[in-house]
Amino acid sequence: MKKLFKCTICGFISEGEEAPEKCPKCLQGKDKFVELSTEDADKIYQSDRTNDIHMEIIALTDKIAVLCKEGLDIKLDPNCVGVFEKAKNESWTIKQRSKAELAGHMTNGKW
């Protein structure tokens, strides 16, 4: 596993054997970077996968919403319409949960 370095000015995370000469985000020098501990680096690497999972969930909820709209437009019978309406609403809730979790990851520096 490569080392991770964090810019103490803007929070940018760099991966490599050493910190970059300057921060790609805020353009501060190498001296503004600190090496993250193994524990903090592991959290960031683990959060990469959980962030990917949340993004997949968000994409799936978008697909569910499209399918539900199609089912609602067909209006086959009241029971089907009710199921599609509930599924559409539940997919929106699931999407919002994943978006909130991603926002929390970013706030806590786990991106």
Protein backbone atom coordinates (compact mmCIF):
# COMPACT_ATOMS: atom_id res chain seq x y z
CA MET A 1 0.00 0.00 0.00
CA LYS A 2 1.32 3.44 -0.92
CA LYS A 3 1.52 6.20 1.64
CA LEU A 4 -1.15 8.86 1.92
CA PHE A 5 -0.39 12.52 2.55
CA LYS A 6 -2.92 15.17 3.52
CA CYS A 7 -2.61 18.87 2.78
CA THR A 8 -3.07 20.72 6.07
CA ILE A 9 -4.45 23.74 4.21
CA CYS A 10 -7.24 22.31 2.03
CA GLY A 11 -7.46 18.63 3.01
CA PHE A 12 -6.41 17.22 -0.38
CA ILE A 13 -5.22 13.60 -0.11
CA SER A 14 -2.24 12.50 -2.20
CA GLU A 15 -1.07 8.93 -2.71
CA GLY A 16 2.57 8.03 -3.33
CA GLU A 17 5.96 7.41 -1.83
CA GLU A 18 6.19 11.05 -0.77
CA ALA A 19 4.07 14.19 -0.76
CA PRO A 20 3.79 16.13 -4.04
CA GLU A 21 5.96 19.20 -4.55
CA LYS A 22 2.81 21.32 -4.40
CA CYS A 23 -0.83 20.66 -3.67
CA PRO A 24 -2.88 20.21 -6.87
CA LYS A 25 -5.86 21.85 -5.18
CA CYS A 26 -4.53 24.87 -3.25
CA LEU A 27 -1.01 25.04 -4.73
CA GLN A 28 0.71 25.12 -1.32
CA GLY A 29 4.16 23.57 -1.04
CA LYS A 30 5.21 20.09 0.00
CA ASP A 31 5.84 21.32 3.56
CA LYS A 32 2.07 21.71 4.08
CA PHE A 33 1.50 17.94 3.74
CA VAL A 34 1.49 15.46 6.62
CA GLU A 35 1.71 11.70 6.24
CA LEU A 36 -1.42 9.94 7.45
CA SER A 37 -1.13 7.13 9.95
CA THR A 38 -1.69 3.57 8.76
CA GLU A 39 -5.03 3.57 10.61
CA ASP A 40 -6.23 6.77 8.90
CA ALA A 41 -4.99 5.57 5.51
CA ASP A 42 -6.84 2.26 5.96
CA LYS A 43 -10.06 4.15 6.70
CA ILE A 44 -9.70 6.14 3.50
CA TYR A 45 -9.00 3.03 1.41
CA GLN A 46 -11.97 1.23 2.99
CA SER A 47 -14.20 4.23 2.42
CA ASP A 48 -13.34 4.11 -1.29
CA ARG A 49 -15.22 0.84 -1.55
CA THR A 50 -18.17 1.89 0.59
CA ASN A 51 -18.44 5.12 -1.40
CA ASP A 52 -18.54 3.03 -4.60
CA ILE A 53 -21.29 0.88 -3.09
CA HIS A 54 -23.34 3.97 -2.20
CA MET A 55 -22.91 5.29 -5.75
CA GLU A 56 -24.13 1.95 -7.14
CA ILE A 57 -27.15 2.08 -4.82
CA ILE A 58 -27.93 5.62 -6.02
CA ALA A 59 -27.71 4.48 -9.65
CA LEU A 60 -29.99 1.52 -8.93
CA THR A 61 -32.58 3.72 -7.25
CA ASP A 62 -32.62 5.90 -10.37
CA LYS A 63 -33.33 2.79 -12.46
CA ILE A 64 -36.09 1.75 -10.04
CA ALA A 65 -37.70 5.19 -10.36
CA VAL A 66 -37.69 4.92 -14.18
CA LEU A 67 -39.25 1.45 -14.04
CA CYS A 68 -41.86 2.61 -11.55
CA LYS A 69 -42.80 5.54 -13.77
CA GLU A 70 -43.27 3.15 -16.67
CA GLY A 71 -45.46 0.93 -14.52
CA LEU A 72 -47.46 3.93 -13.29
CA ASP A 73 -48.00 5.13 -16.88
CA ILE A 74 -49.40 1.71 -17.88
CA LYS A 75 -52.01 1.89 -15.07
CA LEU A 76 -52.85 -1.80 -15.36
CA ASP A 77 -54.80 -1.99 -12.11
CA PRO A 78 -54.96 -0.20 -8.74
CA ASN A 79 -52.82 -2.82 -6.97
CA CYS A 80 -50.00 -2.51 -9.51
CA VAL A 81 -50.20 1.27 -9.38
CA GLY A 82 -49.98 1.14 -5.58
CA VAL A 83 -46.93 -1.13 -5.65
CA PHE A 84 -45.16 1.05 -8.22
CA GLU A 85 -45.96 4.20 -6.25
CA LYS A 86 -44.60 2.68 -3.02
CA ALA A 87 -41.48 1.36 -4.74
CA LYS A 88 -40.84 4.78 -6.28
CA ASN A 89 -41.17 6.49 -2.90
CA GLU A 90 -39.02 3.88 -1.13
CA SER A 91 -36.30 4.15 -3.78
CA TRP A 92 -36.19 7.93 -3.25
CA THR A 93 -35.74 7.37 0.51
CA ILE A 94 -32.96 4.83 -0.05
CA LYS A 95 -31.25 7.24 -2.45
CA GLN A 96 -31.39 10.05 0.11
CA ARG A 97 -29.88 7.81 2.80
CA SER A 98 -26.92 6.94 0.58
CA LYS A 99 -26.44 10.58 -0.42
CA ALA A 100 -26.46 11.62 3.25
CA GLU A 101 -23.92 8.94 4.10
CA LEU A 102 -21.63 10.10 1.28
CA ALA A 103 -21.91 13.68 2.54
CA GLY A 104 -20.97 12.44 6.01
CA HIS A 105 -17.93 10.63 4.60
CA MET A 106 -16.76 13.81 2.91
CA THR A 107 -17.31 15.89 6.03
CA ASN A 108 -15.26 13.39 8.05
CA GLY A 109 -12.45 13.24 5.49
CA LYS A 110 -13.26 9.70 4.36
CA TRP A 111 -13.28 10.12 0.60
